[in-house]
PDB file of N, CA and C in Angstrom:
ATOM      1  N   UNK A   1      19.751   2.776  -5.185  1.00  0.00           N
ATOM      2  CA  UNK A   1      18.758   1.791  -5.497  1.00  0.00           C
ATOM      3  C   UNK A   1      17.506   2.066  -4.666  1.00  0.00           C
ATOM      4  N   UNK A   2      16.350   2.024  -5.306  1.00  0.00           N
ATOM      5  CA  UNK A   2      15.082   2.239  -4.607  1.00  0.00           C
ATOM      6  C   UNK A   2      14.639   0.927  -3.965  1.00  0.00           C
ATOM      7  N   UNK A   3      14.337   0.968  -2.676  1.00  0.00           N
ATOM      8  CA  UNK A   3      13.800  -0.184  -1.968  1.00  0.00           C
ATOM      9  C   UNK A   3      12.316   0.035  -1.726  1.00  0.00           C
ATOM     10  N   UNK A   4      11.537  -0.991  -1.994  1.00  0.00           N
ATOM     11  CA  UNK A   4      10.099  -0.937  -1.757  1.00  0.00           C
ATOM     12  C   UNK A   4       9.785  -1.890  -0.612  1.00  0.00           C
ATOM     13  N   UNK A   5       9.084  -1.409   0.430  1.00  0.00           N
ATOM     14  CA  UNK A   5       8.775  -2.269   1.572  1.00  0.00           C
ATOM     15  C   UNK A   5       7.532  -3.127   1.323  1.00  0.00           C
ATOM     16  N   UNK A   6       7.731  -4.373   0.947  1.00  0.00           N
ATOM     17  CA  UNK A   6       6.615  -5.301   0.769  1.00  0.00           C
ATOM     18  C   UNK A   6       6.043  -5.624   2.146  1.00  0.00           C
ATOM     19  N   UNK A   7       4.709  -5.580   2.321  1.00  0.00           N
ATOM     20  CA  UNK A   7       4.127  -5.895   3.627  1.00  0.00           C
ATOM     21  C   UNK A   7       4.416  -7.331   4.078  1.00  0.00           C
ATOM     22  N   UNK A   8       4.698  -8.225   3.144  1.00  0.00           N
ATOM     23  CA  UNK A   8       4.942  -9.624   3.468  1.00  0.00           C
ATOM     24  C   UNK A   8       6.435  -9.954   3.556  1.00  0.00           C
ATOM     25  N   UNK A   9       7.245  -9.404   2.669  1.00  0.00           N
ATOM     26  CA  UNK A   9       8.656  -9.797   2.548  1.00  0.00           C
ATOM     27  C   UNK A   9       9.639  -8.764   3.095  1.00  0.00           C
ATOM     28  N   UNK A  10       9.177  -7.570   3.400  1.00  0.00           N
ATOM     29  CA  UNK A  10      10.072  -6.516   3.854  1.00  0.00           C
ATOM     30  C   UNK A  10      10.667  -5.752   2.683  1.00  0.00           C
ATOM     31  N   UNK A  11      11.650  -4.887   2.934  1.00  0.00           N
ATOM     32  CA  UNK A  11      12.244  -4.062   1.876  1.00  0.00           C
ATOM     33  C   UNK A  11      12.972  -4.917   0.836  1.00  0.00           C
ATOM     34  N   UNK A  12      12.662  -4.638  -0.440  1.00  0.00           N
ATOM     35  CA  UNK A  12      13.288  -5.355  -1.548  1.00  0.00           C
ATOM     36  C   UNK A  12      13.590  -4.352  -2.670  1.00  0.00           C
ATOM     37  N   UNK A  13      14.522  -4.676  -3.571  1.00  0.00           N
ATOM     38  CA  UNK A  13      14.844  -3.777  -4.685  1.00  0.00           C
ATOM     39  C   UNK A  13      13.644  -3.564  -5.612  1.00  0.00           C
ATOM     40  N   UNK A  14      13.548  -2.387  -6.161  1.00  0.00           N
ATOM     41  CA  UNK A  14      12.459  -1.989  -7.058  1.00  0.00           C
ATOM     42  C   UNK A  14      12.272  -2.962  -8.226  1.00  0.00           C
ATOM     43  N   UNK A  15      13.336  -3.567  -8.724  1.00  0.00           N
ATOM     44  CA  UNK A  15      13.247  -4.449  -9.899  1.00  0.00           C
ATOM     45  C   UNK A  15      12.402  -5.687  -9.640  1.00  0.00           C
ATOM     46  N   UNK A  16      12.103  -5.998  -8.383  1.00  0.00           N
ATOM     47  CA  UNK A  16      11.278  -7.160  -8.056  1.00  0.00           C
ATOM     48  C   UNK A  16       9.781  -6.871  -8.169  1.00  0.00           C
ATOM     49  N   UNK A  17       9.410  -5.622  -8.411  1.00  0.00           N
ATOM     50  CA  UNK A  17       8.013  -5.208  -8.358  1.00  0.00           C
ATOM     51  C   UNK A  17       7.494  -4.705  -9.701  1.00  0.00           C
ATOM     52  N   UNK A  18       6.172  -4.747  -9.843  1.00  0.00           N
ATOM     53  CA  UNK A  18       5.491  -4.185 -11.015  1.00  0.00           C
ATOM     54  C   UNK A  18       4.461  -3.170 -10.543  1.00  0.00           C
ATOM     55  N   UNK A  19       4.415  -2.043 -11.245  1.00  0.00           N
ATOM     56  CA  UNK A  19       3.446  -0.987 -10.943  1.00  0.00           C
ATOM     57  C   UNK A  19       2.093  -1.400 -11.495  1.00  0.00           C
ATOM     58  N   UNK A  20       1.033  -1.181 -10.724  1.00  0.00           N
ATOM     59  CA  UNK A  20      -0.300  -1.578 -11.155  1.00  0.00           C
ATOM     60  C   UNK A  20      -1.289  -0.453 -11.327  1.00  0.00           C
ATOM     61  N   UNK A  21      -0.868   0.791 -11.146  1.00  0.00           N
ATOM     62  CA  UNK A  21      -1.775   1.916 -11.334  1.00  0.00           C
ATOM     63  C   UNK A  21      -2.180   2.550 -10.021  1.00  0.00           C
ATOM     64  N   UNK A  22      -3.025   3.579 -10.111  1.00  0.00           N
ATOM     65  CA  UNK A  22      -3.479   4.277  -8.912  1.00  0.00           C
ATOM     66  C   UNK A  22      -4.324   3.364  -8.025  1.00  0.00           C
ATOM     67  N   UNK A  23      -4.134   3.450  -6.729  1.00  0.00           N
ATOM     68  CA  UNK A  23      -4.853   2.577  -5.795  1.00  0.00           C
ATOM     69  C   UNK A  23      -6.307   2.981  -5.601  1.00  0.00           C
ATOM     70  N   UNK A  24      -6.626   4.228  -5.821  1.00  0.00           N
ATOM     71  CA  UNK A  24      -7.975   4.717  -5.523  1.00  0.00           C
ATOM     72  C   UNK A  24      -8.851   4.856  -6.761  1.00  0.00           C
ATOM     73  N   UNK A  25      -8.436   4.321  -7.853  1.00  0.00           N
ATOM     74  CA  UNK A  25      -9.193   4.442  -9.099  1.00  0.00           C
ATOM     75  C   UNK A  25     -10.331   3.428  -9.125  1.00  0.00           C
ATOM     76  N   UNK A  26     -11.540   3.898  -9.397  1.00  0.00           N
ATOM     77  CA  UNK A  26     -12.717   3.027  -9.404  1.00  0.00           C
ATOM     78  C   UNK A  26     -12.845   2.319 -10.762  1.00  0.00           C
ATOM     79  N   UNK A  27     -12.992   1.012 -10.716  1.00  0.00           N
ATOM     80  CA  UNK A  27     -13.163   0.204 -11.925  1.00  0.00           C
ATOM     81  C   UNK A  27     -14.609   0.316 -12.395  1.00  0.00           C
ATOM     82  N   UNK A  28     -14.837   0.489 -13.708  1.00  0.00           N
ATOM     83  CA  UNK A  28     -16.216   0.548 -14.207  1.00  0.00           C
ATOM     84  C   UNK A  28     -16.931  -0.785 -14.025  1.00  0.00           C
ATOM     85  N   UNK A  29     -18.237  -0.738 -14.028  1.00  0.00           N
ATOM     86  CA  UNK A  29     -19.033  -1.968 -13.969  1.00  0.00           C
ATOM     87  C   UNK A  29     -18.772  -2.794 -15.231  1.00  0.00           C
ATOM     88  N   UNK A  30     -18.952  -4.096 -15.133  1.00  0.00           N
ATOM     89  CA  UNK A  30     -18.709  -4.975 -16.282  1.00  0.00           C
ATOM     90  C   UNK A  30     -19.538  -4.575 -17.506  1.00  0.00           C
ATOM     91  N   UNK A  31     -20.733  -4.057 -17.270  1.00  0.00           N
ATOM     92  CA  UNK A  31     -21.601  -3.683 -18.391  1.00  0.00           C
ATOM     93  C   UNK A  31     -21.550  -2.180 -18.708  1.00  0.00           C
ATOM     94  N   UNK A  32     -20.521  -1.494 -18.225  1.00  0.00           N
ATOM     95  CA  UNK A  32     -20.369  -0.051 -18.483  1.00  0.00           C
ATOM     96  C   UNK A  32     -20.124   0.188 -19.969  1.00  0.00           C
ATOM     97  N   UNK A  33     -20.458   1.373 -20.457  1.00  0.00           N
ATOM     98  CA  UNK A  33     -20.220   1.696 -21.867  1.00  0.00           C
ATOM     99  C   UNK A  33     -18.728   1.631 -22.222  1.00  0.00           C
ATOM    100  N   UNK A  34     -18.467   1.382 -23.487  1.00  0.00           N
ATOM    101  CA  UNK A  34     -17.088   1.270 -23.972  1.00  0.00           C
ATOM    102  C   UNK A  34     -16.282   2.525 -23.659  1.00  0.00           C
ATOM    103  N   UNK A  35     -16.905   3.710 -23.704  1.00  0.00           N
ATOM    104  CA  UNK A  35     -16.200   4.958 -23.420  1.00  0.00           C
ATOM    105  C   UNK A  35     -15.641   4.956 -21.991  1.00  0.00           C
ATOM    106  N   UNK A  36     -16.419   4.424 -21.036  1.00  0.00           N
ATOM    107  CA  UNK A  36     -15.945   4.353 -19.652  1.00  0.00           C
ATOM    108  C   UNK A  36     -14.741   3.427 -19.530  1.00  0.00           C
ATOM    109  N   UNK A  37     -14.780   2.288 -20.213  1.00  0.00           N
ATOM    110  CA  UNK A  37     -13.665   1.346 -20.176  1.00  0.00           C
ATOM    111  C   UNK A  37     -12.433   1.906 -20.879  1.00  0.00           C
ATOM    112  N   UNK A  38     -12.644   2.637 -21.957  1.00  0.00           N
ATOM    113  CA  UNK A  38     -11.522   3.253 -22.672  1.00  0.00           C
ATOM    114  C   UNK A  38     -10.822   4.259 -21.771  1.00  0.00           C
ATOM    115  N   UNK A  39     -11.591   5.100 -21.081  1.00  0.00           N
ATOM    116  CA  UNK A  39     -11.000   6.067 -20.142  1.00  0.00           C
ATOM    117  C   UNK A  39     -10.259   5.338 -19.018  1.00  0.00           C
ATOM    118  N   UNK A  40     -10.864   4.279 -18.481  1.00  0.00           N
ATOM    119  CA  UNK A  40     -10.259   3.543 -17.373  1.00  0.00           C
ATOM    120  C   UNK A  40      -8.924   2.909 -17.780  1.00  0.00           C
ATOM    121  N   UNK A  41      -8.859   2.336 -18.960  1.00  0.00           N
ATOM    122  CA  UNK A  41      -7.657   1.624 -19.397  1.00  0.00           C
ATOM    123  C   UNK A  41      -6.565   2.567 -19.883  1.00  0.00           C
ATOM    124  N   UNK A  42      -6.920   3.624 -20.631  1.00  0.00           N
ATOM    125  CA  UNK A  42      -5.911   4.429 -21.312  1.00  0.00           C
ATOM    126  C   UNK A  42      -5.623   5.803 -20.721  1.00  0.00           C
ATOM    127  N   UNK A  43      -6.567   6.399 -20.026  1.00  0.00           N
ATOM    128  CA  UNK A  43      -6.350   7.748 -19.510  1.00  0.00           C
ATOM    129  C   UNK A  43      -5.896   7.697 -18.061  1.00  0.00           C
ATOM    130  N   UNK A  44      -4.776   8.330 -17.786  1.00  0.00           N
ATOM    131  CA  UNK A  44      -4.209   8.328 -16.444  1.00  0.00           C
ATOM    132  C   UNK A  44      -3.854   9.746 -16.014  1.00  0.00           C
ATOM    133  N   UNK A  45      -4.033  10.005 -14.722  1.00  0.00           N
ATOM    134  CA  UNK A  45      -3.515  11.239 -14.151  1.00  0.00           C
ATOM    135  C   UNK A  45      -2.023  11.033 -13.936  1.00  0.00           C
ATOM    136  N   UNK A  46      -1.282  12.099 -13.879  1.00  0.00           N
ATOM    137  CA  UNK A  46       0.146  12.026 -13.605  1.00  0.00           C
ATOM    138  C   UNK A  46       0.423  12.939 -12.415  1.00  0.00           C
ATOM    139  N   UNK A  47       0.082  12.451 -11.199  1.00  0.00           N
ATOM    140  CA  UNK A  47       0.192  13.326 -10.033  1.00  0.00           C
ATOM    141  C   UNK A  47       1.636  13.661  -9.699  1.00  0.00           C
ATOM    142  N   UNK A  48       1.828  14.849  -9.210  1.00  0.00           N
ATOM    143  CA  UNK A  48       3.142  15.288  -8.748  1.00  0.00           C
ATOM    144  C   UNK A  48       3.040  15.419  -7.236  1.00  0.00           C
ATOM    145  N   UNK A  49       3.762  14.567  -6.524  1.00  0.00           N
ATOM    146  CA  UNK A  49       3.705  14.593  -5.065  1.00  0.00           C
ATOM    147  C   UNK A  49       3.174  13.287  -4.516  1.00  0.00           C
ATOM    148  N   UNK A  50       2.438  13.379  -3.418  1.00  0.00           N
ATOM    149  CA  UNK A  50       1.942  12.185  -2.725  1.00  0.00           C
ATOM    150  C   UNK A  50       0.968  11.405  -3.598  1.00  0.00           C
ATOM    151  N   UNK A  51       1.149  10.077  -3.619  1.00  0.00           N
ATOM    152  CA  UNK A  51       0.281   9.208  -4.411  1.00  0.00           C
ATOM    153  C   UNK A  51       0.102   7.877  -3.703  1.00  0.00           C
ATOM    154  N   UNK A  52      -1.078   7.278  -3.900  1.00  0.00           N
ATOM    155  CA  UNK A  52      -1.353   5.908  -3.430  1.00  0.00           C
ATOM    156  C   UNK A  52      -1.419   5.040  -4.673  1.00  0.00           C
ATOM    157  N   UNK A  53      -0.573   4.000  -4.717  1.00  0.00           N
ATOM    158  CA  UNK A  53      -0.433   3.184  -5.923  1.00  0.00           C
ATOM    159  C   UNK A  53      -0.536   1.696  -5.592  1.00  0.00           C
ATOM    160  N   UNK A  54      -0.969   0.923  -6.588  1.00  0.00           N
ATOM    161  CA  UNK A  54      -0.967  -0.535  -6.474  1.00  0.00           C
ATOM    162  C   UNK A  54       0.362  -1.057  -7.012  1.00  0.00           C
ATOM    163  N   UNK A  55       0.971  -1.972  -6.279  1.00  0.00           N
ATOM    164  CA  UNK A  55       2.212  -2.618  -6.709  1.00  0.00           C
ATOM    165  C   UNK A  55       2.075  -4.106  -6.465  1.00  0.00           C
ATOM    166  N   UNK A  56       2.810  -4.910  -7.260  1.00  0.00           N
ATOM    167  CA  UNK A  56       2.816  -6.363  -7.125  1.00  0.00           C
ATOM    168  C   UNK A  56       4.252  -6.832  -6.951  1.00  0.00           C
ATOM    169  N   UNK A  57       4.476  -7.684  -5.964  1.00  0.00           N
ATOM    170  CA  UNK A  57       5.814  -8.220  -5.719  1.00  0.00           C
ATOM    171  C   UNK A  57       5.979  -9.491  -6.564  1.00  0.00           C
ATOM    172  N   UNK A  58       6.249  -9.314  -7.835  1.00  0.00           N
ATOM    173  CA  UNK A  58       6.316 -10.419  -8.790  1.00  0.00           C
ATOM    174  C   UNK A  58       7.472 -11.369  -8.571  1.00  0.00           C
ATOM    175  N   UNK A  59       8.600 -10.891  -8.069  1.00  0.00           N
ATOM    176  CA  UNK A  59       9.775 -11.745  -7.869  1.00  0.00           C
ATOM    177  C   UNK A  59       9.857 -12.272  -6.444  1.00  0.00           C
ATOM    178  N   UNK A  60       8.795 -12.085  -5.686  1.00  0.00           N
ATOM    179  CA  UNK A  60       8.780 -12.536  -4.294  1.00  0.00           C
ATOM    180  C   UNK A  60       7.493 -13.266  -3.994  1.00  0.00           C
ATOM    181  N   UNK A  61       6.676 -12.688  -3.123  1.00  0.00           N
ATOM    182  CA  UNK A  61       5.442 -13.327  -2.652  1.00  0.00           C
ATOM    183  C   UNK A  61       4.298 -13.253  -3.661  1.00  0.00           C
ATOM    184  N   UNK A  62       4.460 -12.437  -4.701  1.00  0.00           N
ATOM    185  CA  UNK A  62       3.459 -12.260  -5.772  1.00  0.00           C
ATOM    186  C   UNK A  62       2.154 -11.626  -5.293  1.00  0.00           C
ATOM    187  N   UNK A  63       2.217 -10.924  -4.190  1.00  0.00           N
ATOM    188  CA  UNK A  63       1.035 -10.273  -3.629  1.00  0.00           C
ATOM    189  C   UNK A  63       0.919  -8.830  -4.120  1.00  0.00           C
ATOM    190  N   UNK A  64      -0.329  -8.357  -4.261  1.00  0.00           N
ATOM    191  CA  UNK A  64      -0.613  -6.958  -4.551  1.00  0.00           C
ATOM    192  C   UNK A  64      -0.716  -6.204  -3.237  1.00  0.00           C
ATOM    193  N   UNK A  65      -0.292  -4.936  -3.228  1.00  0.00           N
ATOM    194  CA  UNK A  65      -0.397  -4.101  -2.035  1.00  0.00           C
ATOM    195  C   UNK A  65      -0.444  -2.634  -2.441  1.00  0.00           C
ATOM    196  N   UNK A  66      -0.765  -1.775  -1.484  1.00  0.00           N
ATOM    197  CA  UNK A  66      -0.829  -0.329  -1.701  1.00  0.00           C
ATOM    198  C   UNK A  66       0.470   0.288  -1.204  1.00  0.00           C
ATOM    199  N   UNK A  67       1.076   1.096  -2.056  1.00  0.00           N
ATOM    200  CA  UNK A  67       2.294   1.812  -1.695  1.00  0.00           C
ATOM    201  C   UNK A  67       1.990   3.302  -1.705  1.00  0.00           C
ATOM    202  N   UNK A  68       2.328   3.981  -0.621  1.00  0.00           N
ATOM    203  CA  UNK A  68       2.184   5.435  -0.557  1.00  0.00           C
ATOM    204  C   UNK A  68       3.572   6.027  -0.730  1.00  0.00           C
ATOM    205  N   UNK A  69       3.739   6.833  -1.792  1.00  0.00           N
ATOM    206  CA  UNK A  69       5.053   7.407  -2.055  1.00  0.00           C
ATOM    207  C   UNK A  69       4.920   8.768  -2.705  1.00  0.00           C
ATOM    208  N   UNK A  70       6.009   9.509  -2.712  1.00  0.00           N
ATOM    209  CA  UNK A  70       6.084  10.803  -3.388  1.00  0.00           C
ATOM    210  C   UNK A  70       6.609  10.553  -4.789  1.00  0.00           C
ATOM    211  N   UNK A  71       5.858  10.965  -5.794  1.00  0.00           N
ATOM    212  CA  UNK A  71       6.252  10.700  -7.179  1.00  0.00           C
ATOM    213  C   UNK A  71       7.404  11.574  -7.653  1.00  0.00           C
ATOM    214  N   UNK A  72       7.743  12.598  -6.905  1.00  0.00           N
ATOM    215  CA  UNK A  72       8.861  13.464  -7.269  1.00  0.00           C
ATOM    216  C   UNK A  72      10.167  12.925  -6.687  1.00  0.00           C
ATOM    217  N   UNK A  73      10.153  12.619  -5.393  1.00  0.00           N
ATOM    218  CA  UNK A  73      11.375  12.172  -4.713  1.00  0.00           C
ATOM    219  C   UNK A  73      11.486  10.652  -4.623  1.00  0.00           C
ATOM    220  N   UNK A  74      10.394   9.948  -4.880  1.00  0.00           N
ATOM    221  CA  UNK A  74      10.294   8.488  -4.740  1.00  0.00           C
ATOM    222  C   UNK A  74      10.409   8.030  -3.293  1.00  0.00           C
ATOM    223  N   UNK A  75      10.301   8.952  -2.344  1.00  0.00           N
ATOM    224  CA  UNK A  75      10.335   8.588  -0.931  1.00  0.00           C
ATOM    225  C   UNK A  75       9.064   7.820  -0.585  1.00  0.00           C
ATOM    226  N   UNK A  76       9.225   6.671   0.046  1.00  0.00           N
ATOM    227  CA  UNK A  76       8.095   5.828   0.417  1.00  0.00           C
ATOM    228  C   UNK A  76       7.624   6.206   1.813  1.00  0.00           C
ATOM    229  N   UNK A  77       6.332   6.477   1.942  1.00  0.00           N
ATOM    230  CA  UNK A  77       5.748   6.821   3.237  1.00  0.00           C
ATOM    231  C   UNK A  77       5.248   5.582   3.959  1.00  0.00           C
ATOM    232  N   UNK A  78       4.633   4.635   3.216  1.00  0.00           N
ATOM    233  CA  UNK A  78       4.071   3.440   3.837  1.00  0.00           C
ATOM    234  C   UNK A  78       3.684   2.429   2.770  1.00  0.00           C
ATOM    235  N   UNK A  79       3.505   1.190   3.201  1.00  0.00           N
ATOM    236  CA  UNK A  79       2.923   0.165   2.336  1.00  0.00           C
ATOM    237  C   UNK A  79       1.910  -0.615   3.158  1.00  0.00           C
ATOM    238  N   UNK A  80       0.815  -1.015   2.513  1.00  0.00           N
ATOM    239  CA  UNK A  80      -0.284  -1.685   3.206  1.00  0.00           C
ATOM    240  C   UNK A  80      -0.792  -2.843   2.359  1.00  0.00           C
ATOM    241  N   UNK A  81      -1.214  -3.934   2.997  1.00  0.00           N
ATOM    242  CA  UNK A  81      -1.910  -4.982   2.246  1.00  0.00           C
ATOM    243  C   UNK A  81      -3.215  -4.435   1.688  1.00  0.00           C
ATOM    244  N   UNK A  82      -3.709  -5.024   0.634  1.00  0.00           N
ATOM    245  CA  UNK A  82      -5.016  -4.636   0.126  1.00  0.00           C
ATOM    246  C   UNK A  82      -6.082  -4.982   1.168  1.00  0.00           C
ATOM    247  N   UNK A  83      -7.180  -4.240   1.211  1.00  0.00           N
ATOM    248  CA  UNK A  83      -8.229  -4.553   2.182  1.00  0.00           C
ATOM    249  C   UNK A  83      -8.672  -6.005   2.014  1.00  0.00           C
ATOM    250  N   UNK A  84      -8.754  -6.698   3.129  1.00  0.00           N
ATOM    251  CA  UNK A  84      -9.175  -8.101   3.118  1.00  0.00           C
ATOM    252  C   UNK A  84      -8.027  -9.086   2.984  1.00  0.00           C
ATOM    253  N   UNK A  85      -6.824  -8.606   2.634  1.00  0.00           N
ATOM    254  CA  UNK A  85      -5.671  -9.496   2.511  1.00  0.00           C
ATOM    255  C   UNK A  85      -5.033  -9.693   3.876  1.00  0.00           C
ATOM    256  N   UNK A  86      -4.521 -10.879   4.102  1.00  0.00           N
ATOM    257  CA  UNK A  86      -3.855 -11.158   5.367  1.00  0.00           C
ATOM    258  C   UNK A  86      -2.349 -11.169   5.161  1.00  0.00           C
ATOM    259  N   UNK A  87      -1.637 -10.596   6.117  1.00  0.00           N
ATOM    260  CA  UNK A  87      -0.185 -10.605   6.063  1.00  0.00           C
ATOM    261  C   UNK A  87       0.297 -11.896   6.719  1.00  0.00           C
ATOM    262  N   UNK A  88       1.027 -12.698   5.954  1.00  0.00           N
ATOM    263  CA  UNK A  88       1.548 -13.959   6.489  1.00  0.00           C
ATOM    264  C   UNK A  88       2.611 -13.675   7.539  1.00  0.00           C
ATOM    265  N   UNK A  89       2.701 -14.520   8.561  1.00  0.00           N
ATOM    266  CA  UNK A  89       3.709 -14.307   9.615  1.00  0.00           C
ATOM    267  C   UNK A  89       5.118 -14.515   9.115  1.00  0.00           C
TER     268      UNK A  89
END
């Protein structure tokens, strides 16, 4: 079973989380052309190896965070709150 370390709740089973996409992907401006939004929504890289990803702990604290993991082995290197988010005690 894959455990994901939530910055707020600690390690939890993968089934409690939802993948949200690459963490470093820049969102287009609200008034960007439709082509930019189409690429942003539908076109994805499929990296092999180290990746920074957005995840949401839907069955727990419901917080978004950054997960650093290897996409081949699924080994987790680290998890971090999103910039500006506070980790509850």
